């Protein structure tokens, strides 16, 4: 014949195991909820970084355009100075030899 005290103890242990299982399920649900919230925040931050990257890319393109423009203007400036230098040297040479 089964011992009633043993059955009672086993039933109480099964109840406690079930209680722990319920607690672990609740903890799992909370972790899942937290994970979903963190994923949403990380996706939002990632989207903001992508928007910033796009803006930086646009600024890089504008700076590259300005760099090209400044290079062209510098070439024209140097060409003008070389032309003036050649004219001055030509004038000095003409003044020395045509005296």
N, C-alpha and C. Protein backbone atom coordinates (compact mmCIF):
# COMPACT_ATOMS: atom_id res chain seq x y z
N UNK A 1 0.82 -1.16 0.00
CA UNK A 1 0.00 0.00 0.00
C UNK A 1 0.89 1.25 0.00
N UNK A 2 0.53 2.25 -0.86
CA UNK A 2 1.37 3.44 -0.93
C UNK A 2 1.26 4.27 0.34
N UNK A 3 2.36 4.85 0.64
CA UNK A 3 2.45 5.69 1.84
C UNK A 3 1.81 7.05 1.55
N UNK A 4 0.75 7.44 2.31
CA UNK A 4 0.10 8.72 2.02
C UNK A 4 1.02 9.92 2.25
N UNK A 5 1.92 9.81 3.20
CA UNK A 5 2.84 10.91 3.46
C UNK A 5 3.78 11.10 2.28
N UNK A 6 4.20 9.97 1.68
CA UNK A 6 5.08 10.04 0.51
C UNK A 6 4.35 10.66 -0.67
N UNK A 7 3.12 10.25 -0.89
CA UNK A 7 2.34 10.82 -2.00
C UNK A 7 2.13 12.31 -1.79
N UNK A 8 1.88 12.69 -0.56
CA UNK A 8 1.68 14.11 -0.25
C UNK A 8 2.96 14.89 -0.51
N UNK A 9 4.10 14.34 -0.12
CA UNK A 9 5.38 15.01 -0.34
C UNK A 9 5.69 15.11 -1.84
N UNK A 10 5.41 14.05 -2.59
CA UNK A 10 5.64 14.07 -4.04
C UNK A 10 4.73 15.11 -4.69
N UNK A 11 3.47 15.17 -4.26
CA UNK A 11 2.54 16.14 -4.83
C UNK A 11 3.00 17.56 -4.52
N UNK A 12 3.50 17.77 -3.29
CA UNK A 12 3.99 19.09 -2.93
C UNK A 12 5.23 19.46 -3.76
N UNK A 13 6.12 18.49 -3.96
CA UNK A 13 7.30 18.74 -4.80
C UNK A 13 6.90 19.03 -6.24
N UNK A 14 5.93 18.28 -6.77
CA UNK A 14 5.46 18.55 -8.13
C UNK A 14 4.88 19.94 -8.24
N UNK A 15 4.16 20.36 -7.19
CA UNK A 15 3.61 21.72 -7.18
C UNK A 15 4.70 22.77 -7.17
N UNK A 16 5.74 22.53 -6.40
CA UNK A 16 6.85 23.48 -6.35
C UNK A 16 7.59 23.52 -7.69
N UNK A 17 7.78 22.35 -8.30
CA UNK A 17 8.43 22.31 -9.61
C UNK A 17 7.59 23.07 -10.63
N UNK A 18 6.29 22.88 -10.57
CA UNK A 18 5.38 23.61 -11.48
C UNK A 18 5.48 25.11 -11.22
N UNK A 19 5.56 25.48 -9.94
CA UNK A 19 5.67 26.89 -9.59
C UNK A 19 6.96 27.49 -10.15
N UNK A 20 8.07 26.74 -10.01
CA UNK A 20 9.33 27.21 -10.58
C UNK A 20 9.25 27.30 -12.10
N UNK A 21 8.59 26.33 -12.71
CA UNK A 21 8.41 26.37 -14.17
C UNK A 21 7.63 27.61 -14.59
N UNK A 22 6.57 27.94 -13.83
CA UNK A 22 5.79 29.14 -14.13
C UNK A 22 6.64 30.40 -13.96
N UNK A 23 7.46 30.42 -12.92
CA UNK A 23 8.33 31.58 -12.71
C UNK A 23 9.34 31.73 -13.84
N UNK A 24 9.92 30.60 -14.27
CA UNK A 24 10.87 30.66 -15.38
C UNK A 24 10.18 31.09 -16.67
N UNK A 25 8.96 30.66 -16.88
CA UNK A 25 8.21 31.10 -18.06
C UNK A 25 7.97 32.61 -18.01
N UNK A 26 7.64 33.12 -16.83
CA UNK A 26 7.44 34.56 -16.70
C UNK A 26 8.74 35.32 -16.97
N UNK A 27 9.83 34.79 -16.45
CA UNK A 27 11.14 35.43 -16.70
C UNK A 27 11.47 35.38 -18.19
N UNK A 28 11.20 34.27 -18.84
CA UNK A 28 11.44 34.17 -20.29
C UNK A 28 10.61 35.20 -21.05
N UNK A 29 9.35 35.37 -20.65
CA UNK A 29 8.50 36.35 -21.33
C UNK A 29 9.05 37.77 -21.14
N UNK A 30 9.53 38.05 -19.92
CA UNK A 30 10.10 39.38 -19.68
C UNK A 30 11.36 39.60 -20.50
N UNK A 31 12.20 38.57 -20.59
CA UNK A 31 13.42 38.69 -21.41
C UNK A 31 13.05 38.85 -22.89
N UNK A 32 12.05 38.13 -23.34
CA UNK A 32 11.62 38.27 -24.74
C UNK A 32 11.12 39.69 -25.00
N UNK A 33 10.34 40.21 -24.06
CA UNK A 33 9.83 41.58 -24.20
C UNK A 33 10.98 42.58 -24.22
N UNK A 34 11.93 42.40 -23.32
CA UNK A 34 13.10 43.28 -23.28
C UNK A 34 13.91 43.18 -24.56
N UNK A 35 14.06 41.97 -25.06
CA UNK A 35 14.82 41.77 -26.30
C UNK A 35 14.13 42.47 -27.47
N UNK A 36 12.81 42.38 -27.55
CA UNK A 36 12.08 43.06 -28.63
C UNK A 36 12.24 44.57 -28.53
N UNK A 37 12.15 45.11 -27.30
CA UNK A 37 12.31 46.55 -27.13
C UNK A 37 13.72 46.99 -27.50
N UNK A 38 14.72 46.23 -27.08
CA UNK A 38 16.11 46.59 -27.42
C UNK A 38 16.35 46.48 -28.92
N UNK A 39 15.78 45.46 -29.55
CA UNK A 39 15.92 45.34 -31.01
C UNK A 39 15.31 46.55 -31.71
N UNK A 40 14.14 46.98 -31.23
CA UNK A 40 13.49 48.15 -31.84
C UNK A 40 14.37 49.39 -31.67
N UNK A 41 14.95 49.54 -30.49
CA UNK A 41 15.82 50.71 -30.27
C UNK A 41 17.08 50.63 -31.12
N UNK A 42 17.66 49.45 -31.22
CA UNK A 42 18.86 49.31 -32.05
C UNK A 42 18.54 49.57 -33.51
N UNK A 43 17.38 49.15 -33.96
CA UNK A 43 17.00 49.43 -35.35
C UNK A 43 16.81 50.93 -35.55
N UNK A 44 16.24 51.61 -34.55
CA UNK A 44 16.06 53.06 -34.66
C UNK A 44 17.41 53.77 -34.69
N UNK A 45 18.33 53.35 -33.85
CA UNK A 45 19.67 53.95 -33.83
C UNK A 45 20.38 53.67 -35.14
N UNK A 46 20.24 52.45 -35.65
CA UNK A 46 20.86 52.09 -36.92
C UNK A 46 20.32 52.96 -38.05
N UNK A 47 19.01 53.20 -38.03
CA UNK A 47 18.41 54.05 -39.06
C UNK A 47 18.96 55.48 -38.96
N UNK A 48 19.14 55.96 -37.74
CA UNK A 48 19.70 57.30 -37.58
C UNK A 48 21.13 57.37 -38.09
N UNK A 49 21.92 56.32 -37.83
CA UNK A 49 23.29 56.30 -38.35
C UNK A 49 23.31 56.23 -39.87
N UNK A 50 22.38 55.51 -40.46
CA UNK A 50 22.32 55.46 -41.91
C UNK A 50 21.97 56.82 -42.48
N UNK A 51 21.05 57.53 -41.81
CA UNK A 51 20.70 58.88 -42.27
C UNK A 51 21.91 59.81 -42.15
N UNK A 52 22.65 59.69 -41.06
CA UNK A 52 23.86 60.51 -40.90
C UNK A 52 24.89 60.16 -41.96
N UNK A 53 25.05 58.88 -42.27
CA UNK A 53 25.99 58.48 -43.31
C UNK A 53 25.61 59.10 -44.64
N UNK A 54 24.31 59.13 -44.94
CA UNK A 54 23.86 59.73 -46.19
C UNK A 54 24.18 61.22 -46.22
N UNK A 55 23.96 61.88 -45.09
CA UNK A 55 24.28 63.31 -45.03
C UNK A 55 25.77 63.56 -45.18
N UNK A 56 26.60 62.74 -44.52
CA UNK A 56 28.04 62.89 -44.67
C UNK A 56 28.48 62.63 -46.10
N UNK A 57 27.84 61.68 -46.75
CA UNK A 57 28.18 61.39 -48.15
C UNK A 57 27.86 62.61 -49.01
N UNK A 58 26.71 63.25 -48.75
CA UNK A 58 26.35 64.45 -49.51
C UNK A 58 27.36 65.57 -49.27
N UNK A 59 27.79 65.73 -48.03
CA UNK A 59 28.80 66.75 -47.72
C UNK A 59 30.12 66.41 -48.40
N UNK A 60 30.49 65.14 -48.40
CA UNK A 60 31.72 64.73 -49.09
C UNK A 60 31.67 65.07 -50.57
N UNK A 61 30.52 64.84 -51.19
CA UNK A 61 30.38 65.16 -52.61
C UNK A 61 30.50 66.67 -52.84
N UNK A 62 29.89 67.46 -51.96
CA UNK A 62 30.00 68.91 -52.10
C UNK A 62 31.43 69.38 -51.92
N UNK A 63 32.14 68.82 -50.94
CA UNK A 63 33.53 69.20 -50.72
C UNK A 63 34.41 68.79 -51.90
N UNK A 64 34.13 67.64 -52.48
CA UNK A 64 34.90 67.21 -53.65
C UNK A 64 34.67 68.18 -54.81
N UNK A 65 33.43 68.63 -54.98
CA UNK A 65 33.14 69.62 -56.02
C UNK A 65 33.87 70.93 -55.78
N UNK A 66 33.88 71.37 -54.52
CA UNK A 66 34.60 72.61 -54.19
C UNK A 66 36.10 72.45 -54.41
N UNK A 67 36.63 71.28 -54.09
CA UNK A 67 38.05 71.02 -54.29
C UNK A 67 38.39 71.10 -55.78
N UNK A 68 37.56 70.50 -56.62
CA UNK A 68 37.79 70.58 -58.07
C UNK A 68 37.73 72.03 -58.55
N UNK A 69 36.75 72.78 -58.05
CA UNK A 69 36.61 74.18 -58.47
C UNK A 69 37.83 75.00 -58.05
N UNK A 70 38.28 74.78 -56.82
CA UNK A 70 39.47 75.50 -56.36
C UNK A 70 40.71 75.11 -57.16
N UNK A 71 40.82 73.85 -57.53
CA UNK A 71 41.97 73.43 -58.35
C UNK A 71 41.95 74.12 -59.71
N UNK A 72 40.79 74.21 -60.33
CA UNK A 72 40.69 74.89 -61.62
C UNK A 72 41.04 76.37 -61.48
N UNK A 73 40.54 77.02 -60.43
CA UNK A 73 40.84 78.43 -60.23
C UNK A 73 42.33 78.64 -59.94
N UNK A 74 42.94 77.71 -59.21
CA UNK A 74 44.37 77.82 -58.94
C UNK A 74 45.16 77.70 -60.23
N UNK A 75 44.76 76.78 -61.11
CA UNK A 75 45.46 76.65 -62.39
C UNK A 75 45.37 77.94 -63.20
N UNK A 76 44.18 78.56 -63.24
CA UNK A 76 44.02 79.82 -63.96
C UNK A 76 44.88 80.91 -63.34
N UNK A 77 44.95 80.94 -62.01
CA UNK A 77 45.76 81.94 -61.32
C UNK A 77 47.24 81.76 -61.65
N UNK A 78 47.72 80.54 -61.59
CA UNK A 78 49.13 80.27 -61.92
C UNK A 78 49.41 80.58 -63.38
N UNK A 79 48.49 80.23 -64.26
CA UNK A 79 48.68 80.53 -65.68
C UNK A 79 48.78 82.04 -65.90
N UNK A 80 47.93 82.79 -65.19
CA UNK A 80 48.00 84.26 -65.31
C UNK A 80 49.31 84.80 -64.80
N UNK A 81 49.79 84.26 -63.69
CA UNK A 81 51.07 84.73 -63.15
C UNK A 81 52.22 84.38 -64.08
N UNK A 82 52.20 83.20 -64.67
CA UNK A 82 53.26 82.81 -65.61
C UNK A 82 53.23 83.74 -66.82
N UNK A 83 52.04 84.08 -67.28
CA UNK A 83 51.91 84.98 -68.42
C UNK A 83 52.49 86.36 -68.09
N UNK A 84 52.18 86.86 -66.89
CA UNK A 84 52.72 88.16 -66.47
C UNK A 84 54.24 88.07 -66.35
N UNK A 85 54.75 86.98 -65.79
CA UNK A 85 56.19 86.81 -65.64
C UNK A 85 56.88 86.79 -67.00
N UNK A 86 56.31 86.06 -67.96
CA UNK A 86 56.90 86.01 -69.30
C UNK A 86 56.86 87.40 -69.94
N UNK A 87 55.77 88.13 -69.73
CA UNK A 87 55.67 89.49 -70.29
C UNK A 87 56.72 90.41 -69.68
N UNK A 88 56.90 90.32 -68.36
CA UNK A 88 57.89 91.18 -67.70
C UNK A 88 59.29 90.82 -68.18
N UNK A 89 59.61 89.54 -68.25
CA UNK A 89 60.93 89.13 -68.74
C UNK A 89 61.13 89.57 -70.19
N UNK A 90 60.10 89.41 -70.99
CA UNK A 90 60.19 89.85 -72.39
C UNK A 90 60.42 91.35 -72.50
N UNK A 91 59.74 92.10 -71.66
CA UNK A 91 59.92 93.55 -71.66
C UNK A 91 61.33 93.94 -71.22
N UNK A 92 61.83 93.26 -70.17
CA UNK A 92 63.20 93.55 -69.72
C UNK A 92 64.23 93.17 -70.77
N UNK A 93 64.05 92.02 -71.40
CA UNK A 93 64.99 91.61 -72.44
C UNK A 93 64.93 92.60 -73.61
N UNK A 94 63.76 92.99 -74.01
CA UNK A 94 63.63 93.96 -75.11
C UNK A 94 64.25 95.30 -74.74
N UNK A 95 64.06 95.73 -73.47
CA UNK A 95 64.60 97.01 -73.04
C UNK A 95 66.14 96.96 -73.02
N UNK A 96 66.71 95.80 -72.66
CA UNK A 96 68.18 95.69 -72.61
C UNK A 96 68.77 95.62 -74.01
N UNK A 97 68.15 94.88 -74.92
CA UNK A 97 68.74 94.69 -76.22
C UNK A 97 68.34 95.77 -77.24
N UNK A 98 67.33 96.51 -76.99
CA UNK A 98 66.90 97.53 -77.94
C UNK A 98 67.38 98.91 -77.55
N UNK A 99 68.25 99.06 -76.68
CA UNK A 99 68.79 100.34 -76.26
C UNK A 99 69.66 100.93 -77.27
